[in-house]
Amino acid sequence: MNLPDYIKKHSDESCASLFQVKVRTVASWRRRERFPRQKHAKKIIELTNGLLSMDSIYGGVRGDS
C-alpha cells in the first residue's frame, strides 16, 4: 500500500488528525502534488506501525528534510 491509497482508505480528515497536519496537506499528499518532509515521513511510518515505508510514501521520489 502506498501513501495515497492509505489516505483514500482512511480519509483526508482521519489521516490529518492521526499525522497531526492540516487536511489540505494530506489532500496534497494524496494527489501527489507534494510529499511529506522526512520528519513527517518517519512519523507516518511509526504511526502506521510500519504499514507504510519510505518507498511507499515517496514512490521512488525522495522528499527533502
N, C-alpha and C. Protein backbone atom coordinates (compact mmCIF):
# COMPACT_ATOMS: atom_id res chain seq x y z
N MET A 1 0.86 -1.18 0.00
CA MET A 1 0.00 0.00 0.00
C MET A 1 0.90 1.23 0.00
N ASN A 2 0.52 2.24 -0.78
CA ASN A 2 1.28 3.48 -0.78
C ASN A 2 0.50 4.56 0.00
N LEU A 3 1.14 5.69 0.19
CA LEU A 3 0.53 6.76 0.99
C LEU A 3 -0.81 7.24 0.41
N PRO A 4 -0.91 7.53 -0.89
CA PRO A 4 -2.21 7.97 -1.41
C PRO A 4 -3.32 6.94 -1.18
N ASP A 5 -3.01 5.66 -1.36
CA ASP A 5 -4.01 4.62 -1.12
C ASP A 5 -4.41 4.55 0.35
N TYR A 6 -3.45 4.71 1.23
CA TYR A 6 -3.73 4.71 2.67
C TYR A 6 -4.67 5.86 3.01
N ILE A 7 -4.37 7.03 2.47
CA ILE A 7 -5.21 8.21 2.73
C ILE A 7 -6.62 8.01 2.18
N LYS A 8 -6.73 7.47 0.96
CA LYS A 8 -8.05 7.21 0.38
C LYS A 8 -8.85 6.25 1.24
N LYS A 9 -8.19 5.23 1.77
CA LYS A 9 -8.86 4.23 2.60
C LYS A 9 -9.34 4.82 3.92
N HIS A 10 -8.56 5.73 4.50
CA HIS A 10 -8.86 6.23 5.84
C HIS A 10 -9.43 7.65 5.88
N SER A 11 -9.47 8.36 4.79
CA SER A 11 -9.99 9.72 4.61
C SER A 11 -8.94 10.79 4.95
N ASP A 12 -9.06 11.90 4.26
CA ASP A 12 -8.16 13.03 4.48
C ASP A 12 -8.23 13.50 5.93
N GLU A 13 -9.44 13.63 6.44
CA GLU A 13 -9.64 14.16 7.79
C GLU A 13 -9.03 13.25 8.86
N SER A 14 -9.27 11.95 8.73
CA SER A 14 -8.74 10.99 9.68
C SER A 14 -7.21 10.97 9.67
N CYS A 15 -6.64 11.00 8.48
CA CYS A 15 -5.18 10.98 8.36
C CYS A 15 -4.57 12.29 8.87
N ALA A 16 -5.22 13.39 8.60
CA ALA A 16 -4.73 14.68 9.11
C ALA A 16 -4.69 14.67 10.63
N SER A 17 -5.70 14.14 11.23
CA SER A 17 -5.74 14.05 12.69
C SER A 17 -4.64 13.12 13.21
N LEU A 18 -4.51 11.96 12.59
CA LEU A 18 -3.51 10.99 13.01
C LEU A 18 -2.09 11.52 12.82
N PHE A 19 -1.82 12.15 11.68
CA PHE A 19 -0.48 12.62 11.37
C PHE A 19 -0.20 14.02 11.91
N GLN A 20 -1.20 14.66 12.50
CA GLN A 20 -1.09 15.98 13.11
C GLN A 20 -0.64 17.05 12.11
N VAL A 21 -1.32 17.05 10.97
CA VAL A 21 -1.10 18.06 9.94
C VAL A 21 -2.47 18.55 9.45
N LYS A 22 -2.48 19.56 8.62
CA LYS A 22 -3.74 20.10 8.09
C LYS A 22 -4.34 19.15 7.05
N VAL A 23 -5.66 19.20 6.93
CA VAL A 23 -6.37 18.38 5.95
C VAL A 23 -5.88 18.69 4.54
N ARG A 24 -5.65 19.95 4.24
CA ARG A 24 -5.18 20.30 2.90
C ARG A 24 -3.78 19.76 2.61
N THR A 25 -2.98 19.59 3.66
CA THR A 25 -1.66 18.97 3.49
C THR A 25 -1.82 17.51 3.08
N VAL A 26 -2.68 16.80 3.80
CA VAL A 26 -2.93 15.39 3.48
C VAL A 26 -3.51 15.26 2.07
N ALA A 27 -4.41 16.15 1.71
CA ALA A 27 -5.01 16.11 0.37
C ALA A 27 -3.93 16.29 -0.70
N SER A 28 -2.97 17.16 -0.46
CA SER A 28 -1.89 17.35 -1.45
C SER A 28 -0.99 16.12 -1.52
N TRP A 29 -0.80 15.42 -0.40
CA TRP A 29 -0.04 14.16 -0.42
C TRP A 29 -0.81 13.10 -1.21
N ARG A 30 -2.12 13.04 -0.99
CA ARG A 30 -2.95 12.06 -1.68
C ARG A 30 -2.90 12.26 -3.18
N ARG A 31 -2.92 13.51 -3.61
CA ARG A 31 -2.89 13.82 -5.04
C ARG A 31 -1.47 13.81 -5.61
N ARG A 32 -0.47 13.57 -4.76
CA ARG A 32 0.95 13.57 -5.15
C ARG A 32 1.41 14.92 -5.68
N GLU A 33 0.78 16.00 -5.21
CA GLU A 33 1.22 17.35 -5.55
C GLU A 33 2.43 17.74 -4.70
N ARG A 34 2.46 17.19 -3.49
CA ARG A 34 3.54 17.41 -2.54
C ARG A 34 3.84 16.09 -1.85
N PHE A 35 4.98 16.04 -1.19
CA PHE A 35 5.37 14.85 -0.43
C PHE A 35 5.70 15.26 0.99
N PRO A 36 5.49 14.36 1.95
CA PRO A 36 5.83 14.68 3.33
C PRO A 36 7.33 14.95 3.48
N ARG A 37 7.66 15.87 4.35
CA ARG A 37 9.06 16.08 4.70
C ARG A 37 9.55 14.83 5.42
N GLN A 38 10.85 14.66 5.46
CA GLN A 38 11.45 13.47 6.06
C GLN A 38 10.95 13.23 7.48
N LYS A 39 10.86 14.29 8.29
CA LYS A 39 10.41 14.11 9.68
C LYS A 39 8.96 13.63 9.73
N HIS A 40 8.12 14.12 8.82
CA HIS A 40 6.74 13.65 8.78
C HIS A 40 6.68 12.21 8.28
N ALA A 41 7.50 11.87 7.30
CA ALA A 41 7.51 10.51 6.76
C ALA A 41 7.87 9.51 7.86
N LYS A 42 8.87 9.84 8.66
CA LYS A 42 9.27 8.95 9.76
C LYS A 42 8.13 8.78 10.75
N LYS A 43 7.42 9.86 11.03
CA LYS A 43 6.29 9.80 11.96
C LYS A 43 5.14 8.98 11.36
N ILE A 44 4.90 9.13 10.06
CA ILE A 44 3.85 8.36 9.39
C ILE A 44 4.15 6.87 9.48
N ILE A 45 5.40 6.50 9.24
CA ILE A 45 5.80 5.09 9.34
C ILE A 45 5.55 4.57 10.75
N GLU A 46 5.92 5.36 11.73
CA GLU A 46 5.71 4.99 13.14
C GLU A 46 4.22 4.87 13.46
N LEU A 47 3.43 5.84 13.05
CA LEU A 47 2.01 5.86 13.38
C LEU A 47 1.20 4.79 12.65
N THR A 48 1.71 4.30 11.52
CA THR A 48 1.03 3.23 10.80
C THR A 48 1.64 1.87 11.14
N ASN A 49 2.42 1.83 12.20
CA ASN A 49 3.06 0.58 12.65
C ASN A 49 3.81 -0.12 11.53
N GLY A 50 4.49 0.66 10.69
CA GLY A 50 5.30 0.10 9.62
C GLY A 50 4.53 -0.34 8.39
N LEU A 51 3.23 -0.12 8.37
CA LEU A 51 2.44 -0.46 7.17
C LEU A 51 2.96 0.31 5.97
N LEU A 52 3.31 1.57 6.20
CA LEU A 52 3.91 2.39 5.15
C LEU A 52 5.41 2.47 5.39
N SER A 53 6.16 2.59 4.31
CA SER A 53 7.61 2.70 4.37
C SER A 53 8.04 3.94 3.58
N MET A 54 9.32 4.25 3.61
CA MET A 54 9.81 5.39 2.83
C MET A 54 9.48 5.18 1.35
N ASP A 55 9.65 3.96 0.85
CA ASP A 55 9.35 3.70 -0.56
C ASP A 55 7.86 3.86 -0.86
N SER A 56 7.00 3.43 0.05
CA SER A 56 5.57 3.57 -0.20
C SER A 56 5.09 5.02 -0.04
N ILE A 57 5.84 5.80 0.69
CA ILE A 57 5.50 7.22 0.86
C ILE A 57 5.98 8.03 -0.34
N TYR A 58 7.24 7.81 -0.72
CA TYR A 58 7.84 8.61 -1.79
C TYR A 58 7.72 7.99 -3.18
N GLY A 59 7.48 6.70 -3.26
CA GLY A 59 7.32 6.05 -4.56
C GLY A 59 8.48 6.27 -5.49
N GLY A 60 9.71 6.22 -4.95
CA GLY A 60 10.89 6.42 -5.78
C GLY A 60 11.36 7.85 -5.83
N VAL A 61 10.58 8.77 -5.26
CA VAL A 61 10.96 10.19 -5.23
C VAL A 61 11.24 10.54 -3.77
N ARG A 62 12.38 11.07 -3.50
CA ARG A 62 12.76 11.43 -2.13
C ARG A 62 12.40 12.88 -1.85
N GLY A 63 11.75 13.12 -0.71
CA GLY A 63 11.46 14.48 -0.28
C GLY A 63 12.66 15.06 0.44
N ASP A 64 12.65 16.36 0.61
CA ASP A 64 13.74 16.98 1.35
C ASP A 64 13.41 17.01 2.81
N SER A 65 14.42 17.13 3.62
CA SER A 65 14.21 17.10 5.09
C SER A 65 13.90 18.44 5.67
